[in-house]
Amino acid sequence: MPEEFESEFNDMFAVTIMPDLAMAKSSLEQELLSWPSAKCSACTIVVWAVAGAIVVVGGVALASLTTTSGCVVALAQLVGCTAKVALLFIQGLGAYVAKGVSEVAGAICTWTGAC
């Protein structure tokens, strides 16, 4: 760039481009802050998998689950409780199962309080 235009360019950059960059940076920061944490994301993935398994089993078959069933063990490990406590919670989900995976996942997330 020719030296005679350098000052004019710097003035234009400071007045027009810098505020736009600052606004874009602020907007990006706000967007990133609104994303769920990595812990919440990992929890959500596990919760939806467990909720899916529970819905597949179905409300009637919840009584046939045991403390060694896969979804029971997975939920117990996620929450950090015993398999018996997780089983009792899952068996109490009968009303949610008919409404689908999102309802079961929501009930699990509320119960765990992880996110």
C-alpha atoms as a PDB file:
ATOM      1  CA  MET A   1       0.000   0.000   0.000  1.00  0.00           C
ATOM      2  CA  PRO A   2       1.402   3.434  -0.838  1.00  0.00           C
ATOM      3  CA  GLU A   3       2.413   5.389   2.250  1.00  0.00           C
ATOM      4  CA  GLU A   4       0.151   8.332   1.400  1.00  0.00           C
ATOM      5  CA  PHE A   5      -2.923   6.063   1.840  1.00  0.00           C
ATOM      6  CA  GLU A   6      -1.754   4.277   5.003  1.00  0.00           C
ATOM      7  CA  SER A   7      -3.130   6.856   7.444  1.00  0.00           C
ATOM      8  CA  GLU A   8      -6.464   7.037   5.621  1.00  0.00           C
ATOM      9  CA  PHE A   9      -6.690   3.228   5.566  1.00  0.00           C
ATOM     10  CA  ASN A  10      -5.928   2.983   9.284  1.00  0.00           C
ATOM     11  CA  ASP A  11      -8.606   5.583  10.043  1.00  0.00           C
ATOM     12  CA  MET A  12     -11.165   3.727   7.913  1.00  0.00           C
ATOM     13  CA  PHE A  13     -10.190   0.400   9.494  1.00  0.00           C
ATOM     14  CA  ALA A  14     -10.572   1.790  13.018  1.00  0.00           C
ATOM     15  CA  VAL A  15     -13.944   3.395  12.282  1.00  0.00           C
ATOM     16  CA  THR A  16     -15.692   0.812  10.105  1.00  0.00           C
ATOM     17  CA  ILE A  17     -14.032  -2.587  10.412  1.00  0.00           C
ATOM     18  CA  MET A  18     -12.959  -2.742  14.068  1.00  0.00           C
ATOM     19  CA  PRO A  19     -16.481  -2.192  15.487  1.00  0.00           C
ATOM     20  CA  ASP A  20     -17.808  -4.920  13.190  1.00  0.00           C
ATOM     21  CA  LEU A  21     -15.058  -7.291  14.331  1.00  0.00           C
ATOM     22  CA  ALA A  22     -15.723  -6.445  17.971  1.00  0.00           C
ATOM     23  CA  MET A  23     -19.450  -7.058  17.499  1.00  0.00           C
ATOM     24  CA  ALA A  24     -18.785 -10.365  15.723  1.00  0.00           C
ATOM     25  CA  LYS A  25     -16.416 -11.446  18.501  1.00  0.00           C
ATOM     26  CA  SER A  26     -18.979 -10.539  21.168  1.00  0.00           C
ATOM     27  CA  SER A  27     -21.710 -12.403  19.295  1.00  0.00           C
ATOM     28  CA  LEU A  28     -19.496 -15.484  18.934  1.00  0.00           C
ATOM     29  CA  GLU A  29     -18.593 -15.391  22.624  1.00  0.00           C
ATOM     30  CA  GLN A  30     -22.266 -15.208  23.571  1.00  0.00           C
ATOM     31  CA  GLU A  31     -23.051 -18.129  21.265  1.00  0.00           C
ATOM     32  CA  LEU A  32     -20.272 -20.259  22.749  1.00  0.00           C
ATOM     33  CA  LEU A  33     -21.380 -19.431  26.281  1.00  0.00           C
ATOM     34  CA  SER A  34     -24.911 -20.599  25.467  1.00  0.00           C
ATOM     35  CA  TRP A  35     -23.699 -24.055  24.389  1.00  0.00           C
ATOM     36  CA  PRO A  36     -24.056 -26.817  26.957  1.00  0.00           C
ATOM     37  CA  SER A  37     -20.930 -27.873  28.755  1.00  0.00           C
ATOM     38  CA  ALA A  38     -19.024 -30.959  27.657  1.00  0.00           C
ATOM     39  CA  LYS A  39     -20.265 -32.726  30.796  1.00  0.00           C
ATOM     40  CA  CYS A  40     -23.852 -31.892  29.910  1.00  0.00           C
ATOM     41  CA  SER A  41     -23.363 -33.011  26.302  1.00  0.00           C
ATOM     42  CA  ALA A  42     -21.871 -36.347  27.352  1.00  0.00           C
ATOM     43  CA  CYS A  43     -24.620 -36.815  29.922  1.00  0.00           C
ATOM     44  CA  THR A  44     -27.299 -36.024  27.340  1.00  0.00           C
ATOM     45  CA  ILE A  45     -25.922 -38.642  24.946  1.00  0.00           C
ATOM     46  CA  VAL A  46     -25.957 -41.320  27.649  1.00  0.00           C
ATOM     47  CA  VAL A  47     -29.370 -40.248  28.942  1.00  0.00           C
ATOM     48  CA  TRP A  48     -30.945 -40.419  25.475  1.00  0.00           C
ATOM     49  CA  ALA A  49     -29.431 -43.876  24.904  1.00  0.00           C
ATOM     50  CA  VAL A  50     -30.763 -45.112  28.234  1.00  0.00           C
ATOM     51  CA  ALA A  51     -34.141 -43.454  27.613  1.00  0.00           C
ATOM     52  CA  GLY A  52     -34.312 -45.104  24.194  1.00  0.00           C
ATOM     53  CA  ALA A  53     -33.638 -48.498  25.724  1.00  0.00           C
ATOM     54  CA  ILE A  54     -36.300 -47.939  28.375  1.00  0.00           C
ATOM     55  CA  VAL A  55     -38.899 -46.915  25.776  1.00  0.00           C
ATOM     56  CA  VAL A  56     -38.048 -49.956  23.639  1.00  0.00           C
ATOM     57  CA  VAL A  57     -38.566 -52.194  26.659  1.00  0.00           C
ATOM     58  CA  GLY A  58     -41.933 -50.528  27.121  1.00  0.00           C
ATOM     59  CA  GLY A  59     -44.033 -49.674  30.124  1.00  0.00           C
ATOM     60  CA  VAL A  60     -45.389 -53.167  30.685  1.00  0.00           C
ATOM     61  CA  ALA A  61     -41.992 -54.826  30.474  1.00  0.00           C
ATOM     62  CA  LEU A  62     -40.397 -52.447  32.986  1.00  0.00           C
ATOM     63  CA  ALA A  63     -41.318 -54.919  35.693  1.00  0.00           C
ATOM     64  CA  SER A  64     -39.148 -57.548  34.000  1.00  0.00           C
ATOM     65  CA  LEU A  65     -35.973 -55.454  34.295  1.00  0.00           C
ATOM     66  CA  THR A  66     -33.380 -56.525  36.837  1.00  0.00           C
ATOM     67  CA  THR A  67     -30.409 -54.860  38.474  1.00  0.00           C
ATOM     68  CA  THR A  68     -28.205 -56.493  35.815  1.00  0.00           C
ATOM     69  CA  SER A  69     -30.175 -55.158  32.816  1.00  0.00           C
ATOM     70  CA  GLY A  70     -28.077 -52.957  30.544  1.00  0.00           C
ATOM     71  CA  CYS A  71     -30.122 -49.792  30.830  1.00  0.00           C
ATOM     72  CA  VAL A  72     -30.309 -50.151  34.620  1.00  0.00           C
ATOM     73  CA  VAL A  73     -26.545 -50.571  34.951  1.00  0.00           C
ATOM     74  CA  ALA A  74     -25.903 -47.663  32.545  1.00  0.00           C
ATOM     75  CA  LEU A  75     -28.190 -45.320  34.486  1.00  0.00           C
ATOM     76  CA  ALA A  76     -26.688 -46.392  37.814  1.00  0.00           C
ATOM     77  CA  GLN A  77     -23.185 -45.671  36.518  1.00  0.00           C
ATOM     78  CA  LEU A  78     -24.250 -42.314  35.099  1.00  0.00           C
ATOM     79  CA  VAL A  79     -25.856 -41.181  38.324  1.00  0.00           C
ATOM     80  CA  GLY A  80     -23.445 -42.888  40.694  1.00  0.00           C
ATOM     81  CA  CYS A  81     -26.097 -44.815  42.569  1.00  0.00           C
ATOM     82  CA  THR A  82     -26.727 -48.496  43.114  1.00  0.00           C
ATOM     83  CA  ALA A  83     -28.390 -50.570  40.419  1.00  0.00           C
ATOM     84  CA  LYS A  84     -31.299 -51.169  42.811  1.00  0.00           C
ATOM     85  CA  VAL A  85     -31.991 -47.420  43.134  1.00  0.00           C
ATOM     86  CA  ALA A  86     -31.726 -46.977  39.351  1.00  0.00           C
ATOM     87  CA  LEU A  87     -34.089 -49.933  38.817  1.00  0.00           C
ATOM     88  CA  LEU A  88     -36.676 -48.463  41.172  1.00  0.00           C
ATOM     89  CA  PHE A  89     -36.461 -45.135  39.372  1.00  0.00           C
ATOM     90  CA  ILE A  90     -36.811 -46.765  35.942  1.00  0.00           C
ATOM     91  CA  GLN A  91     -39.797 -48.797  37.076  1.00  0.00           C
ATOM     92  CA  GLY A  92     -41.427 -45.550  38.168  1.00  0.00           C
ATOM     93  CA  LEU A  93     -41.147 -44.167  34.629  1.00  0.00           C
ATOM     94  CA  GLY A  94     -44.187 -46.048  33.329  1.00  0.00           C
ATOM     95  CA  ALA A  95     -46.242 -42.888  32.778  1.00  0.00           C
ATOM     96  CA  TYR A  96     -43.416 -41.272  30.807  1.00  0.00           C
ATOM     97  CA  VAL A  97     -42.688 -44.278  28.575  1.00  0.00           C
ATOM     98  CA  ALA A  98     -45.931 -43.923  26.649  1.00  0.00           C
ATOM     99  CA  LYS A  99     -45.001 -40.319  25.808  1.00  0.00           C
ATOM    100  CA  GLY A 100     -41.689 -41.267  24.208  1.00  0.00           C
ATOM    101  CA  VAL A 101     -37.939 -40.968  24.503  1.00  0.00           C
ATOM    102  CA  SER A 102     -37.837 -37.203  25.057  1.00  0.00           C
ATOM    103  CA  GLU A 103     -40.178 -37.452  28.058  1.00  0.00           C
ATOM    104  CA  VAL A 104     -38.138 -40.284  29.585  1.00  0.00           C
ATOM    105  CA  ALA A 105     -34.887 -38.425  28.918  1.00  0.00           C
ATOM    106  CA  GLY A 106     -36.341 -35.297  30.528  1.00  0.00           C
ATOM    107  CA  ALA A 107     -37.387 -37.255  33.610  1.00  0.00           C
ATOM    108  CA  ILE A 108     -33.911 -38.771  33.893  1.00  0.00           C
ATOM    109  CA  CYS A 109     -32.226 -35.367  33.482  1.00  0.00           C
ATOM    110  CA  THR A 110     -34.475 -33.871  36.141  1.00  0.00           C
ATOM    111  CA  TRP A 111     -33.754 -36.767  38.491  1.00  0.00           C
ATOM    112  CA  THR A 112     -29.979 -36.665  38.013  1.00  0.00           C
ATOM    113  CA  GLY A 113     -29.676 -32.884  38.060  1.00  0.00           C
ATOM    114  CA  ALA A 114     -26.488 -33.285  36.012  1.00  0.00           C
ATOM    115  CA  CYS A 115     -27.072 -30.515  33.473  1.00  0.00           C
END
